[in-house]
């Protein structure tokens, strides 16, 4: 049967008749294809799939069925400050969070940010999010972060971090270590350690890497960030044997060939946050570089304190940045690009399979029988942008947006249907996050709050114009003005 009601948990679900982007090794695209989900797994993918009794059908005709997207780097706790830093530079971000006000956040504020961000991810078709949680000043903060993630029916990885202390300090705390050991053995949430390597020759981060090794978890690190992290950090990690396939190098925008070669040789991946790199100044988005070294890529959104929280924006900005750089490099040599190297399919792959590979989940990222049922249907019959559906990869990368996400399944459970989230109490989420905003504004005071949101605007220098158009008058212009104004 086909139902307009939200499918009931525990019964099979069949997405019928859509254009299916399987994202498998063969680049299979099915027109009028079906995806059958039974329990938490994909049971079948193909045309005219037979459904068992009791199956609930979702009409996917005119839509695109694809794997759930995966964001490999998002500071979810900062979502409570959505858009506050829209006009920041990276320096202003560091000053606000690292030096001045990041320590103001209470556990309940971490919870509010994570709760809002988690639902935001699902609403945009992101079924797995890496919570780059570097606001965990105490285990109480960490417990609050995890409690928020557990309350939302998405898939999450907690990347534990603390910007108020060195990683060699907080990883040595017995309470933190006990928390990490508990979470490592948790079947619901993934675990990483999140910290940066400054390049200090004494390599104080060694202790934190050793903890990650003992726990058997990966490290995610902001690498190649202009003015903050550089090739020295990569070299120290490599020389000390801490570069592994589990490592995710976020941004990686200002590294040299030597560092890219070390990442490639040790099997790590790069998480590209193009909106962030374009705006904040970490460096030029590096996809045009890393593809030369065959380094695996995933996509991420970084933080909603600045940017959007969906991977549709990430895909289109990544294509734009990569192609702009390719044209620029060609024009500098007097050449013309006639064929783009980076294609729409590539960024859709990075948003799905790329993320799955980065977090070590080969059971995610593609629609194949036996894999986990994290599935997204993009369909919006009320929008003229939904048709014609000619190039499905191009449609996902350049045309679709979060409002077009019709259905989302995570682990076989429907969490968004008919373009609306399922089972969420949005008024309660809103009250929680607004309470955090009120607290932070009160703690800072109105003057500091306004100053943080509205940094000084540099004065633009306008070049002298030798033509001075406003002073130039042709003979005909003077005659016309004389007639009209009596000049």
Protein backbone atom coordinates (compact mmCIF):
# COMPACT_ATOMS: atom_id res chain seq x y z
CA UNK A 1 0.00 0.00 0.00
CA UNK A 2 1.00 3.66 -0.37
CA UNK A 3 0.42 5.78 2.67
CA UNK A 4 0.41 9.49 3.38
CA UNK A 5 0.75 8.73 7.08
CA UNK A 6 4.09 8.42 8.78
CA UNK A 7 5.29 4.80 8.49
CA UNK A 8 4.98 2.82 11.70
CA UNK A 9 8.18 1.62 13.36
CA UNK A 10 8.88 -2.09 13.13
CA UNK A 11 7.35 -2.68 9.72
CA UNK A 12 9.25 -2.88 6.40
CA UNK A 13 9.43 0.30 4.32
CA UNK A 14 9.61 0.41 0.52
CA UNK A 15 10.59 3.59 -1.30
CA UNK A 16 8.97 2.96 -4.67
CA UNK A 17 9.68 4.38 -8.13
CA UNK A 18 12.37 6.97 -7.48
CA UNK A 19 15.65 7.76 -9.19
CA UNK A 20 18.07 5.80 -7.00
CA UNK A 21 21.67 6.96 -6.52
CA UNK A 22 23.16 3.80 -5.05
CA UNK A 23 26.68 5.31 -4.70
CA UNK A 24 28.05 1.80 -5.18
CA UNK A 25 31.38 0.93 -6.83
CA UNK A 26 29.69 0.60 -10.22
CA UNK A 27 28.12 4.09 -10.06
CA UNK A 28 24.71 2.49 -10.46
CA UNK A 29 21.79 4.85 -11.02
CA UNK A 30 18.31 3.37 -11.27
CA UNK A 31 15.39 5.17 -12.85
CA UNK A 32 12.04 4.11 -11.40
CA UNK A 33 13.97 2.12 -8.80
CA UNK A 34 12.93 0.72 -5.44
CA UNK A 35 14.69 0.48 -2.08
CA UNK A 36 13.31 -1.99 0.45
CA UNK A 37 14.19 -1.58 4.13
CA UNK A 38 13.59 -4.38 6.63
CA UNK A 39 14.44 -3.73 10.27
CA UNK A 40 17.73 -1.76 10.30
CA UNK A 41 19.06 -3.00 6.96
CA UNK A 42 18.61 -2.48 3.26
CA UNK A 43 16.96 -5.65 2.03
CA UNK A 44 16.82 -5.01 -1.72
CA UNK A 45 17.59 -2.36 -4.34
CA UNK A 46 16.28 -2.66 -7.88
CA UNK A 47 13.30 -2.35 -10.16
CA UNK A 48 9.86 -3.68 -9.21
CA UNK A 49 11.03 -5.09 -5.88
CA UNK A 50 8.61 -7.51 -4.28
CA UNK A 51 7.60 -6.37 -0.83
CA UNK A 52 6.67 -8.66 2.08
CA UNK A 53 3.24 -8.46 3.67
CA UNK A 54 2.77 -5.46 5.89
CA UNK A 55 5.25 -3.29 3.98
CA UNK A 56 4.59 0.43 4.04
CA UNK A 57 5.22 2.10 0.69
CA UNK A 58 6.51 5.62 0.18
CA UNK A 59 5.90 7.09 -3.24
CA UNK A 60 9.34 8.19 -4.47
CA UNK A 61 8.27 8.91 -8.06
CA UNK A 62 9.74 12.18 -9.27
CA UNK A 63 12.26 12.13 -6.43
CA UNK A 64 15.82 11.03 -5.73
CA UNK A 65 16.64 8.25 -3.28
CA UNK A 66 20.20 8.38 -1.95
CA UNK A 67 22.25 7.31 1.07
CA UNK A 68 22.07 9.42 4.20
CA UNK A 69 24.71 12.15 4.19
CA UNK A 70 27.60 12.23 6.67
CA UNK A 71 29.11 15.40 8.17
CA UNK A 72 32.60 14.65 9.49
CA UNK A 73 33.26 17.88 11.43
CA UNK A 74 30.71 20.05 13.18
CA UNK A 75 31.03 22.00 16.43
CA UNK A 76 27.50 21.17 17.45
CA UNK A 77 27.67 22.92 20.83
CA UNK A 78 28.05 26.26 19.05
CA UNK A 79 24.66 25.98 17.34
CA UNK A 80 23.15 27.78 20.31
CA UNK A 81 24.85 30.87 18.85
CA UNK A 82 23.48 30.37 15.34
CA UNK A 83 24.64 33.13 12.94
CA UNK A 84 26.13 35.19 15.80
CA UNK A 85 29.55 35.19 14.13
CA UNK A 86 28.39 35.76 10.56
CA UNK A 87 30.88 38.62 10.12
CA UNK A 88 33.80 37.11 12.04
CA UNK A 89 37.26 36.27 10.85
CA UNK A 90 39.05 33.24 12.24
CA UNK A 91 40.94 35.53 14.62
CA UNK A 92 37.69 36.85 16.08
CA UNK A 93 36.41 33.28 16.45
CA UNK A 94 39.53 32.25 18.35
CA UNK A 95 39.37 35.28 20.62
CA UNK A 96 35.67 34.85 21.41
CA UNK A 97 35.64 31.10 22.09
CA UNK A 98 39.20 30.23 23.08
CA UNK A 99 40.26 33.31 25.05
CA UNK A 100 37.22 35.24 26.24
CA UNK A 101 33.82 33.57 26.39
CA UNK A 102 34.03 29.86 25.53
CA UNK A 103 34.55 29.05 29.20
CA UNK A 104 31.19 30.68 29.98
CA UNK A 105 29.24 27.73 28.56
CA UNK A 106 27.60 25.52 31.19
CA UNK A 107 26.76 21.83 30.66
CA UNK A 108 23.15 22.76 29.91
CA UNK A 109 24.36 25.14 27.19
CA UNK A 110 26.36 22.36 25.56
CA UNK A 111 23.21 20.22 25.73
CA UNK A 112 21.08 22.92 24.11
CA UNK A 113 23.50 23.43 21.23
CA UNK A 114 23.88 19.71 20.59
CA UNK A 115 20.14 19.10 20.75
CA UNK A 116 19.38 21.83 18.23
CA UNK A 117 22.20 20.79 15.93
CA UNK A 118 21.28 17.11 16.03
CA UNK A 119 17.72 17.75 14.86
CA UNK A 120 19.03 20.25 12.31
CA UNK A 121 21.24 17.54 10.82
CA UNK A 122 18.39 15.09 10.42
CA UNK A 123 16.14 17.72 8.90
CA UNK A 124 18.76 18.27 6.18
CA UNK A 125 19.22 14.58 5.39
CA UNK A 126 22.45 14.20 7.38
CA UNK A 127 22.07 10.86 9.10
CA UNK A 128 25.53 10.80 10.73
CA UNK A 129 27.28 13.78 12.31
CA UNK A 130 30.70 13.96 13.93
CA UNK A 131 30.30 16.23 16.94
CA UNK A 132 33.70 18.00 17.07
CA UNK A 133 32.99 18.78 20.69
CA UNK A 134 35.87 20.96 21.88
CA UNK A 135 33.82 22.80 24.52
CA UNK A 136 33.99 19.95 27.05
CA UNK A 137 35.58 21.69 30.02
CA UNK A 138 34.51 18.90 32.37
CA UNK A 139 33.00 15.45 32.33
CA UNK A 140 29.69 17.10 33.25
CA UNK A 141 29.88 19.00 29.97
CA UNK A 142 30.64 15.75 28.14
CA UNK A 143 27.72 13.95 29.77
CA UNK A 144 25.43 16.79 28.71
CA UNK A 145 26.69 16.57 25.13
CA UNK A 146 26.08 12.83 25.01
CA UNK A 147 22.66 13.07 26.66
CA UNK A 148 21.55 15.45 23.92
CA UNK A 149 22.82 13.18 21.16
CA UNK A 150 21.16 10.11 22.69
CA UNK A 151 17.80 11.90 22.76
CA UNK A 152 17.74 12.35 18.97
CA UNK A 153 17.22 9.40 16.57
CA UNK A 154 20.29 10.14 14.46
CA UNK A 155 23.72 8.59 14.22
CA UNK A 156 26.52 10.52 15.94
CA UNK A 157 30.23 10.37 16.75
CA UNK A 158 31.46 12.28 19.78
CA UNK A 159 34.88 13.78 19.07
CA UNK A 160 35.94 14.71 22.61
CA UNK A 161 37.93 17.92 23.01
CA UNK A 162 38.57 20.82 25.36
CA UNK A 163 39.94 24.14 24.08
CA UNK A 164 40.44 25.40 27.63
CA UNK A 165 43.32 22.98 28.29
CA UNK A 166 46.09 21.19 26.39
CA UNK A 167 45.16 17.71 25.13
CA UNK A 168 48.01 16.22 27.19
CA UNK A 169 46.25 17.69 30.24
CA UNK A 170 42.63 16.72 29.78
CA UNK A 171 43.38 13.22 28.46
CA UNK A 172 45.35 12.60 31.68
CA UNK A 173 42.40 13.32 33.97
CA UNK A 174 41.07 10.07 35.50
CA UNK A 175 37.45 11.18 35.19
CA UNK A 176 37.88 11.96 31.49
CA UNK A 177 39.65 8.68 30.87
CA UNK A 178 36.86 6.75 32.60
CA UNK A 179 34.25 8.58 30.52
CA UNK A 180 36.12 7.80 27.29
CA UNK A 181 36.44 4.13 28.19
CA UNK A 182 32.70 3.91 28.84
CA UNK A 183 31.85 5.62 25.58
CA UNK A 184 34.33 3.51 23.60
CA UNK A 185 32.33 0.42 24.53
CA UNK A 186 29.01 2.09 23.71
CA UNK A 187 27.09 0.55 20.85
CA UNK A 188 25.11 3.68 19.99
CA UNK A 189 27.68 6.46 19.67
CA UNK A 190 31.06 6.52 17.96
CA UNK A 191 34.12 8.07 19.61
CA UNK A 192 37.11 10.11 18.45
CA UNK A 193 39.55 12.43 20.17
CA UNK A 194 39.58 16.01 18.89
CA UNK A 195 42.66 18.19 19.33
CA UNK A 196 45.15 20.19 17.29
CA UNK A 197 48.91 19.84 16.93
CA UNK A 198 50.68 23.19 17.22
CA UNK A 199 54.07 22.15 15.85
CA UNK A 200 55.89 22.68 19.15
CA UNK A 201 59.19 20.73 18.71
CA UNK A 202 58.70 19.07 22.11
CA UNK A 203 55.50 17.49 20.73
CA UNK A 204 53.42 17.74 23.92
CA UNK A 205 50.45 16.20 22.08
CA UNK A 206 52.20 12.80 22.20
CA UNK A 207 50.40 11.92 25.44
CA UNK A 208 46.98 12.50 23.86
CA UNK A 209 47.88 10.40 20.83
CA UNK A 210 48.97 7.60 23.14
CA UNK A 211 45.59 7.70 24.88
CA UNK A 212 43.84 7.49 21.49
CA UNK A 213 46.01 4.51 20.60
CA UNK A 214 45.25 2.76 23.90
CA UNK A 215 41.52 3.36 23.39
CA UNK A 216 41.67 2.25 19.77
CA UNK A 217 40.01 5.43 18.47
CA UNK A 218 40.92 7.89 15.77
CA UNK A 219 42.07 11.48 16.10
CA UNK A 220 40.45 14.36 14.26
CA UNK A 221 42.60 17.47 14.05
CA UNK A 222 42.46 20.92 12.47
CA UNK A 223 45.48 20.70 10.17
CA UNK A 224 46.85 23.25 7.74
CA UNK A 225 45.01 26.22 9.24
CA UNK A 226 46.66 29.52 8.40
CA UNK A 227 48.41 31.00 11.43
CA UNK A 228 47.48 28.08 13.72
CA UNK A 229 48.60 24.65 12.50
CA UNK A 230 51.09 23.80 9.78
CA UNK A 231 53.49 21.28 8.25
CA UNK A 232 55.48 21.00 11.48
CA UNK A 233 52.52 19.37 13.19
CA UNK A 234 52.09 16.86 10.36
CA UNK A 235 55.81 16.05 10.39
CA UNK A 236 55.82 15.47 14.15
CA UNK A 237 52.78 13.21 13.94
CA UNK A 238 54.40 11.22 11.15
CA UNK A 239 57.87 10.94 12.66
CA UNK A 240 56.37 9.73 15.94
CA UNK A 241 54.16 7.14 14.30
CA UNK A 242 50.76 8.68 15.01
CA UNK A 243 49.42 9.09 11.47
CA UNK A 244 46.92 6.28 10.84
CA UNK A 245 43.99 5.57 8.50
CA UNK A 246 41.67 6.55 11.37
CA UNK A 247 42.92 10.14 11.41
CA UNK A 248 40.83 12.92 9.90
CA UNK A 249 42.66 16.11 8.91
CA UNK A 250 40.15 18.97 8.98
CA UNK A 251 40.64 21.82 6.48
CA UNK A 252 44.23 20.86 5.44
CA UNK A 253 44.21 24.07 3.43
CA UNK A 254 47.74 25.48 3.84
CA UNK A 255 49.93 22.40 3.76
CA UNK A 256 52.82 21.67 1.41
CA UNK A 257 53.31 18.73 -0.90
CA UNK A 258 55.36 16.95 1.77
CA UNK A 259 52.44 16.96 4.23
CA UNK A 260 49.91 15.84 1.63
CA UNK A 261 52.22 12.98 0.71
CA UNK A 262 52.49 11.92 4.36
CA UNK A 263 48.69 11.94 4.72
CA UNK A 264 48.28 9.93 1.52
CA UNK A 265 50.95 7.40 2.48
CA UNK A 266 49.39 6.72 5.89
CA UNK A 267 45.80 6.39 4.69
CA UNK A 268 44.24 9.38 6.43
CA UNK A 269 41.45 11.50 5.00
CA UNK A 270 40.70 15.21 4.71
CA UNK A 271 37.46 16.81 5.88
CA UNK A 272 36.82 19.86 3.70
CA UNK A 273 34.62 22.66 5.09
CA UNK A 274 34.46 24.87 2.04
CA UNK A 275 32.09 27.53 3.38
CA UNK A 276 34.39 27.86 6.37
CA UNK A 277 37.66 27.95 4.44
CA UNK A 278 36.29 30.46 1.96
CA UNK A 279 35.06 32.82 4.67
CA UNK A 280 37.20 32.41 7.79
CA UNK A 281 40.66 32.26 6.28
CA UNK A 282 42.01 28.79 7.05
CA UNK A 283 43.27 28.76 3.47
CA UNK A 284 41.86 28.09 0.03
CA UNK A 285 39.55 25.02 0.07
CA UNK A 286 42.04 22.26 -0.72
CA UNK A 287 40.17 19.82 -2.97
CA UNK A 288 42.11 21.10 -5.98
CA UNK A 289 45.27 20.10 -4.09
CA UNK A 290 44.37 16.86 -2.36
CA UNK A 291 43.00 15.17 -5.46
CA UNK A 292 46.55 15.27 -6.89
CA UNK A 293 47.60 12.91 -4.12
CA UNK A 294 44.51 10.65 -4.15
CA UNK A 295 43.69 11.57 -0.56
CA UNK A 296 40.15 10.51 0.44
CA UNK A 297 37.80 13.45 1.03
CA UNK A 298 34.69 13.98 3.13
CA UNK A 299 32.62 17.12 3.59
CA UNK A 300 31.66 19.08 6.69
CA UNK A 301 29.96 22.29 7.73
CA UNK A 302 32.14 23.32 10.70
CA UNK A 303 29.78 25.49 12.78
CA UNK A 304 26.39 27.16 12.54
CA UNK A 305 27.74 30.13 14.50
CA UNK A 306 28.79 31.21 11.00
CA UNK A 307 27.46 29.04 8.20
CA UNK A 308 24.64 26.84 7.04
CA UNK A 309 24.10 23.43 8.61
CA UNK A 310 23.47 21.33 5.51
CA UNK A 311 25.67 19.47 3.07
CA UNK A 312 23.82 20.79 0.02
CA UNK A 313 25.61 24.08 0.67
CA UNK A 314 28.85 22.18 1.20
CA UNK A 315 28.53 20.37 -2.11
CA UNK A 316 27.79 23.43 -4.21
CA UNK A 317 30.40 25.65 -2.58
CA UNK A 318 33.01 22.92 -2.95
CA UNK A 319 32.28 22.57 -6.65
CA UNK A 320 32.41 26.34 -7.05
CA UNK A 321 35.68 26.78 -5.17
CA UNK A 322 37.43 23.90 -6.92
CA UNK A 323 36.37 25.02 -10.37
CA UNK A 324 37.22 28.64 -9.67
CA UNK A 325 40.74 27.61 -8.65
CA UNK A 326 41.11 25.41 -11.72
CA UNK A 327 40.14 28.30 -13.97
CA UNK A 328 42.41 30.71 -12.10
CA UNK A 329 45.41 28.40 -12.35
CA UNK A 330 44.77 27.97 -16.08
CA UNK A 331 44.28 31.68 -16.74
CA UNK A 332 47.55 32.50 -14.98
CA UNK A 333 49.27 30.33 -17.58
CA UNK A 334 47.24 31.75 -20.46
CA UNK A 335 45.22 28.55 -20.77
CA UNK A 336 41.49 27.80 -20.81
CA UNK A 337 39.77 24.99 -18.93
CA UNK A 338 37.57 23.10 -21.34
CA UNK A 339 36.64 20.17 -19.08
CA UNK A 340 36.14 20.40 -15.31
CA UNK A 341 37.95 17.77 -13.26
CA UNK A 342 35.59 17.93 -10.26
CA UNK A 343 32.11 16.70 -11.09
CA UNK A 344 28.78 16.76 -9.30
CA UNK A 345 28.99 13.02 -8.71
CA UNK A 346 32.29 13.49 -6.86
CA UNK A 347 30.86 15.82 -4.24
CA UNK A 348 27.76 13.67 -3.76
CA UNK A 349 30.14 10.76 -3.18
CA UNK A 350 32.16 12.79 -0.65
CA UNK A 351 28.94 13.71 1.19
CA UNK A 352 28.00 10.03 1.52
CA UNK A 353 30.64 7.35 0.92
CA UNK A 354 33.49 9.73 1.67
CA UNK A 355 32.11 10.39 5.12
CA UNK A 356 31.51 6.68 5.75
CA UNK A 357 35.10 5.84 4.85
CA UNK A 358 36.45 8.66 7.03
CA UNK A 359 34.72 7.38 10.17
CA UNK A 360 35.44 3.74 9.39
CA UNK A 361 31.86 2.68 8.68
CA UNK A 362 31.82 0.49 5.59
CA UNK A 363 28.20 -0.38 6.40
CA UNK A 364 27.12 3.19 5.60
CA UNK A 365 27.38 5.54 2.62
CA UNK A 366 25.75 3.52 -0.16
CA UNK A 367 22.45 1.82 -0.91
CA UNK A 368 23.32 -1.86 -1.16
CA UNK A 369 21.65 -4.95 0.32
CA UNK A 370 22.98 -5.73 3.78
CA UNK A 371 24.08 -2.19 4.59
CA UNK A 372 22.56 -0.09 7.34
CA UNK A 373 19.30 1.56 6.31
CA UNK A 374 20.29 5.23 6.40
CA UNK A 375 18.28 6.53 3.45
CA UNK A 376 17.17 9.93 2.16
CA UNK A 377 14.39 10.78 -0.30
CA UNK A 378 14.64 14.18 -1.97
CA UNK A 379 11.21 15.09 -3.28
CA UNK A 380 9.13 18.25 -3.24
CA UNK A 381 6.04 18.16 -5.42
CA UNK A 382 5.18 21.72 -4.41
CA UNK A 383 8.36 23.18 -5.88
CA UNK A 384 8.99 23.95 -9.57
CA UNK A 385 12.68 23.28 -8.86
CA UNK A 386 11.88 19.58 -8.44
CA UNK A 387 11.48 19.10 -12.19
CA UNK A 388 12.68 18.24 -14.73
CA UNK A 389 14.94 15.63 -13.18
CA UNK A 390 17.59 15.24 -15.87
CA UNK A 391 20.94 14.89 -14.09
CA UNK A 392 20.36 13.48 -10.59
CA UNK A 393 23.90 14.17 -9.33
CA UNK A 394 23.70 17.73 -10.60
CA UNK A 395 20.25 18.09 -9.08
CA UNK A 396 21.49 17.05 -5.63
CA UNK A 397 24.61 19.22 -5.81
CA UNK A 398 23.16 22.40 -7.30
CA UNK A 399 19.36 22.39 -7.11
CA UNK A 400 18.22 20.65 -3.92
CA UNK A 401 18.04 22.15 -0.45
CA UNK A 402 16.98 21.04 3.02
CA UNK A 403 13.32 21.86 2.40
CA UNK A 404 13.30 19.30 -0.42
CA UNK A 405 14.24 16.45 1.92
CA UNK A 406 11.01 14.49 2.05
CA UNK A 407 11.95 11.35 3.97
CA UNK A 408 14.90 10.37 6.15
CA UNK A 409 15.51 6.93 7.63
CA UNK A 410 18.23 6.23 10.20
CA UNK A 411 18.88 2.61 11.08
CA UNK A 412 15.59 1.77 9.36
CA UNK A 413 13.60 4.24 11.45
CA UNK A 414 11.70 7.06 9.74
CA UNK A 415 12.81 10.34 11.37
CA UNK A 416 11.50 12.74 8.73
CA UNK A 417 8.47 12.24 6.53
CA UNK A 418 6.46 14.43 4.17
CA UNK A 419 9.08 17.15 4.64
CA UNK A 420 8.62 17.29 8.44
CA UNK A 421 10.64 15.88 11.31
CA UNK A 422 9.05 12.98 13.18
CA UNK A 423 8.89 12.80 16.97
CA UNK A 424 10.50 16.14 17.72
CA UNK A 425 9.21 18.64 20.26
CA UNK A 426 10.50 21.76 18.54
CA UNK A 427 8.97 24.19 21.04
CA UNK A 428 10.94 22.43 23.80
CA UNK A 429 14.14 22.53 21.74
CA UNK A 430 13.55 26.21 21.11
CA UNK A 431 12.98 26.97 24.78
CA UNK A 432 16.20 25.19 25.66
CA UNK A 433 18.36 27.03 23.19
CA UNK A 434 16.74 30.40 23.90
CA UNK A 435 17.48 29.90 27.60
CA UNK A 436 21.15 29.45 26.67
CA UNK A 437 21.12 32.60 24.55
CA UNK A 438 19.56 34.55 27.42
CA UNK A 439 22.15 33.21 29.86
CA UNK A 440 25.13 33.99 27.61
CA UNK A 441 23.87 37.45 26.81
CA UNK A 442 23.35 38.17 30.49
CA UNK A 443 26.78 36.78 31.41
CA UNK A 444 28.53 38.92 28.78
CA UNK A 445 26.42 42.03 29.19
CA UNK A 446 24.67 43.82 26.35
CA UNK A 447 27.72 45.85 25.34
CA UNK A 448 30.06 42.88 25.02
CA UNK A 449 27.33 40.81 23.36
CA UNK A 450 26.74 43.47 20.70
CA UNK A 451 30.47 44.04 20.18
CA UNK A 452 31.09 40.34 19.64
CA UNK A 453 28.36 40.09 17.03
CA UNK A 454 29.33 43.32 15.25
CA UNK A 455 33.13 43.50 14.90
CA UNK A 456 34.68 46.73 13.68
CA UNK A 457 34.34 47.26 9.96
CA UNK A 458 37.66 48.10 8.27
CA UNK A 459 37.61 51.16 6.10
CA UNK A 460 37.78 50.41 2.39
CA UNK A 461 40.40 52.24 0.34
CA UNK A 462 38.94 53.60 -2.86
CA UNK A 463 41.45 54.19 -5.61
CA UNK A 464 41.70 57.60 -7.23
CA UNK A 465 39.94 57.62 -10.59
CA UNK A 466 41.86 59.59 -13.22
CA UNK A 467 38.75 59.91 -15.37
CA UNK A 468 36.58 61.52 -12.68
CA UNK A 469 33.32 60.75 -14.39
CA UNK A 470 31.33 63.09 -12.19
CA UNK A 471 33.34 66.07 -13.41
CA UNK A 472 33.37 65.15 -17.09
CA UNK A 473 30.79 66.75 -19.33
CA UNK A 474 30.67 66.33 -23.06
CA UNK A 475 29.64 69.24 -25.28
CA UNK A 476 26.21 67.72 -25.80
CA UNK A 477 25.79 67.14 -22.06
CA UNK A 478 26.66 70.78 -21.29
CA UNK A 479 24.20 71.99 -23.90
CA UNK A 480 21.45 69.76 -22.55
CA UNK A 481 22.03 70.86 -18.94
CA UNK A 482 22.09 74.48 -20.08
CA UNK A 483 18.71 74.09 -21.73
CA UNK A 484 17.12 72.33 -18.75
CA UNK A 485 18.73 74.12 -15.83
CA UNK A 486 19.66 77.42 -17.41
CA UNK A 487 23.42 76.83 -16.99
